[in-house]
Amino acid sequence: MRSVARAEVLTAVGELLQAAETLEATEIDRLNSPGLVEPGLVVWVRSWLARARLWTQLGETARAIASYETFLRWWGEADGIAAAEVRQARLELGRLRDAPR
């Protein structure tokens, strides 16, 4: 979770590429004990949405699309509070796919 926090700080200070690369290095096998109640899993899944948005801002469309797709693969059927994030991610992904390249 430290790497995700580090990426958030980097984003806040405008270091978008460094933030995106930090998130790219954050993989699920680095979590202590992944499970549905492990908060690290939620942070890791949400990092894919953050990656997608960073790659979009950096003009890396293919990487952004892949990150949105990974996020939706993990949380595509989410309900409750997470459902709003999923809806927003689908809208952003749709706009990205429809944009001229």
C-alpha atoms as a PDB file:
ATOM      1  CA  MET A   1       0.000   0.000   0.000  1.00  0.00           C
ATOM      2  CA  ARG A   2       3.005   2.277   0.428  1.00  0.00           C
ATOM      3  CA  SER A   3       3.648   2.322  -3.298  1.00  0.00           C
ATOM      4  CA  VAL A   4       0.048   3.373  -3.979  1.00  0.00           C
ATOM      5  CA  ALA A   5       0.359   6.169  -1.412  1.00  0.00           C
ATOM      6  CA  ARG A   6       3.664   7.184  -2.997  1.00  0.00           C
ATOM      7  CA  ALA A   7       1.960   7.338  -6.409  1.00  0.00           C
ATOM      8  CA  GLU A   8      -0.818   9.526  -4.995  1.00  0.00           C
ATOM      9  CA  VAL A   9       1.763  11.984  -3.666  1.00  0.00           C
ATOM     10  CA  LEU A  10       3.623  11.970  -6.984  1.00  0.00           C
ATOM     11  CA  THR A  11       0.354  12.667  -8.790  1.00  0.00           C
ATOM     12  CA  ALA A  12      -0.460  15.526  -6.438  1.00  0.00           C
ATOM     13  CA  VAL A  13       2.878  17.202  -7.170  1.00  0.00           C
ATOM     14  CA  GLY A  14       2.509  16.740 -10.924  1.00  0.00           C
ATOM     15  CA  GLU A  15       4.936  13.857 -11.449  1.00  0.00           C
ATOM     16  CA  LEU A  16       2.457  11.837 -13.508  1.00  0.00           C
ATOM     17  CA  LEU A  17       4.895   9.560 -15.323  1.00  0.00           C
ATOM     18  CA  GLN A  18       6.700   8.666 -12.118  1.00  0.00           C
ATOM     19  CA  ALA A  19       3.326   8.021 -10.434  1.00  0.00           C
ATOM     20  CA  ALA A  20       2.195   5.749 -13.271  1.00  0.00           C
ATOM     21  CA  GLU A  21       5.471   3.845 -13.236  1.00  0.00           C
ATOM     22  CA  THR A  22       5.233   3.422  -9.457  1.00  0.00           C
ATOM     23  CA  LEU A  23       1.778   1.887  -9.852  1.00  0.00           C
ATOM     24  CA  GLU A  24       2.993  -0.340 -12.671  1.00  0.00           C
ATOM     25  CA  ALA A  25       5.530  -1.818 -10.253  1.00  0.00           C
ATOM     26  CA  THR A  26       2.776  -2.559  -7.720  1.00  0.00           C
ATOM     27  CA  GLU A  27       1.686  -6.141  -8.211  1.00  0.00           C
ATOM     28  CA  ILE A  28      -0.687  -8.346  -6.275  1.00  0.00           C
ATOM     29  CA  ASP A  29       2.002 -10.803  -5.240  1.00  0.00           C
ATOM     30  CA  ARG A  30       3.535  -8.042  -3.114  1.00  0.00           C
ATOM     31  CA  LEU A  31       0.527  -8.055  -0.764  1.00  0.00           C
ATOM     32  CA  ASN A  32       1.029  -9.867   2.511  1.00  0.00           C
ATOM     33  CA  SER A  33      -2.023 -12.132   2.448  1.00  0.00           C
ATOM     34  CA  PRO A  34      -4.409 -11.258  -0.329  1.00  0.00           C
ATOM     35  CA  GLY A  35      -8.000 -12.020   0.467  1.00  0.00           C
ATOM     36  CA  LEU A  36     -11.379 -10.406   0.319  1.00  0.00           C
ATOM     37  CA  VAL A  37     -10.945  -8.804   3.741  1.00  0.00           C
ATOM     38  CA  GLU A  38      -7.357  -7.680   3.137  1.00  0.00           C
ATOM     39  CA  PRO A  39      -7.471  -3.901   2.525  1.00  0.00           C
ATOM     40  CA  GLY A  40      -4.366  -4.218   0.367  1.00  0.00           C
ATOM     41  CA  LEU A  41      -6.389  -6.057  -2.264  1.00  0.00           C
ATOM     42  CA  VAL A  42      -8.892  -3.198  -2.521  1.00  0.00           C
ATOM     43  CA  VAL A  43      -6.080  -0.662  -2.745  1.00  0.00           C
ATOM     44  CA  TRP A  44      -4.357  -2.766  -5.409  1.00  0.00           C
ATOM     45  CA  VAL A  45      -7.527  -3.119  -7.514  1.00  0.00           C
ATOM     46  CA  ARG A  46      -8.226   0.606  -7.264  1.00  0.00           C
ATOM     47  CA  SER A  47      -4.638   1.280  -8.341  1.00  0.00           C
ATOM     48  CA  TRP A  48      -5.616  -0.008 -11.796  1.00  0.00           C
ATOM     49  CA  LEU A  49      -8.162   2.804 -12.093  1.00  0.00           C
ATOM     50  CA  ALA A  50      -5.538   5.316 -10.988  1.00  0.00           C
ATOM     51  CA  ARG A  51      -3.107   3.861 -13.547  1.00  0.00           C
ATOM     52  CA  ALA A  52      -5.716   4.165 -16.285  1.00  0.00           C
ATOM     53  CA  ARG A  53      -6.336   7.819 -15.486  1.00  0.00           C
ATOM     54  CA  LEU A  54      -2.620   8.608 -15.340  1.00  0.00           C
ATOM     55  CA  TRP A  55      -1.908   6.858 -18.639  1.00  0.00           C
ATOM     56  CA  THR A  56      -4.828   8.776 -20.175  1.00  0.00           C
ATOM     57  CA  GLN A  57      -3.361  12.083 -19.005  1.00  0.00           C
ATOM     58  CA  LEU A  58       0.017  11.060 -20.387  1.00  0.00           C
ATOM     59  CA  GLY A  59      -1.480  10.219 -23.793  1.00  0.00           C
ATOM     60  CA  GLU A  60      -0.709   6.501 -23.453  1.00  0.00           C
ATOM     61  CA  THR A  61      -4.074   5.303 -24.752  1.00  0.00           C
ATOM     62  CA  ALA A  62      -3.259   1.606 -25.140  1.00  0.00           C
ATOM     63  CA  ARG A  63      -1.867   1.403 -21.612  1.00  0.00           C
ATOM     64  CA  ALA A  64      -4.862   3.331 -20.259  1.00  0.00           C
ATOM     65  CA  ILE A  65      -7.325   0.980 -21.966  1.00  0.00           C
ATOM     66  CA  ALA A  66      -5.481  -2.069 -20.651  1.00  0.00           C
ATOM     67  CA  SER A  67      -5.539  -0.643 -17.122  1.00  0.00           C
ATOM     68  CA  TYR A  68      -9.275   0.129 -17.291  1.00  0.00           C
ATOM     69  CA  GLU A  69      -9.905  -3.403 -18.548  1.00  0.00           C
ATOM     70  CA  THR A  70      -7.905  -4.916 -15.685  1.00  0.00           C
ATOM     71  CA  PHE A  71      -9.791  -2.792 -13.146  1.00  0.00           C
ATOM     72  CA  LEU A  72     -13.116  -3.899 -14.625  1.00  0.00           C
ATOM     73  CA  ARG A  73     -12.017  -7.525 -14.752  1.00  0.00           C
ATOM     74  CA  TRP A  74     -11.483  -7.417 -10.980  1.00  0.00           C
ATOM     75  CA  TRP A  75     -14.417  -5.202 -10.000  1.00  0.00           C
ATOM     76  CA  GLY A  76     -16.763  -5.275 -12.990  1.00  0.00           C
ATOM     77  CA  GLU A  77     -19.564  -6.846 -10.965  1.00  0.00           C
ATOM     78  CA  ALA A  78     -19.109  -4.676  -7.875  1.00  0.00           C
ATOM     79  CA  ASP A  79     -22.094  -3.348  -6.016  1.00  0.00           C
ATOM     80  CA  GLY A  80     -22.566  -0.868  -3.210  1.00  0.00           C
ATOM     81  CA  ILE A  81     -20.094   1.990  -3.007  1.00  0.00           C
ATOM     82  CA  ALA A  82     -17.710   0.429  -5.544  1.00  0.00           C
ATOM     83  CA  ALA A  83     -20.453   0.285  -8.200  1.00  0.00           C
ATOM     84  CA  ALA A  84     -20.207   4.048  -8.744  1.00  0.00           C
ATOM     85  CA  GLU A  85     -16.479   3.737  -9.457  1.00  0.00           C
ATOM     86  CA  VAL A  86     -17.156   0.906 -11.876  1.00  0.00           C
ATOM     87  CA  ARG A  87     -19.779   2.957 -13.736  1.00  0.00           C
ATOM     88  CA  GLN A  88     -17.385   5.894 -13.978  1.00  0.00           C
ATOM     89  CA  ALA A  89     -14.565   3.645 -15.183  1.00  0.00           C
ATOM     90  CA  ARG A  90     -16.823   2.214 -17.902  1.00  0.00           C
ATOM     91  CA  LEU A  91     -17.718   5.735 -19.064  1.00  0.00           C
ATOM     92  CA  GLU A  92     -14.070   6.800 -19.145  1.00  0.00           C
ATOM     93  CA  LEU A  93     -13.069   3.641 -20.989  1.00  0.00           C
ATOM     94  CA  GLY A  94     -15.853   4.146 -23.525  1.00  0.00           C
ATOM     95  CA  ARG A  95     -14.739   7.720 -24.204  1.00  0.00           C
ATOM     96  CA  LEU A  96     -11.169   6.547 -24.634  1.00  0.00           C
ATOM     97  CA  ARG A  97     -12.156   3.798 -27.068  1.00  0.00           C
ATOM     98  CA  ASP A  98     -14.358   6.203 -29.062  1.00  0.00           C
ATOM     99  CA  ALA A  99     -11.716   8.942 -29.292  1.00  0.00           C
ATOM    100  CA  PRO A 100      -9.925   9.369 -32.594  1.00  0.00           C
ATOM    101  CA  ARG A 101      -6.344   8.126 -32.538  1.00  0.00           C
END
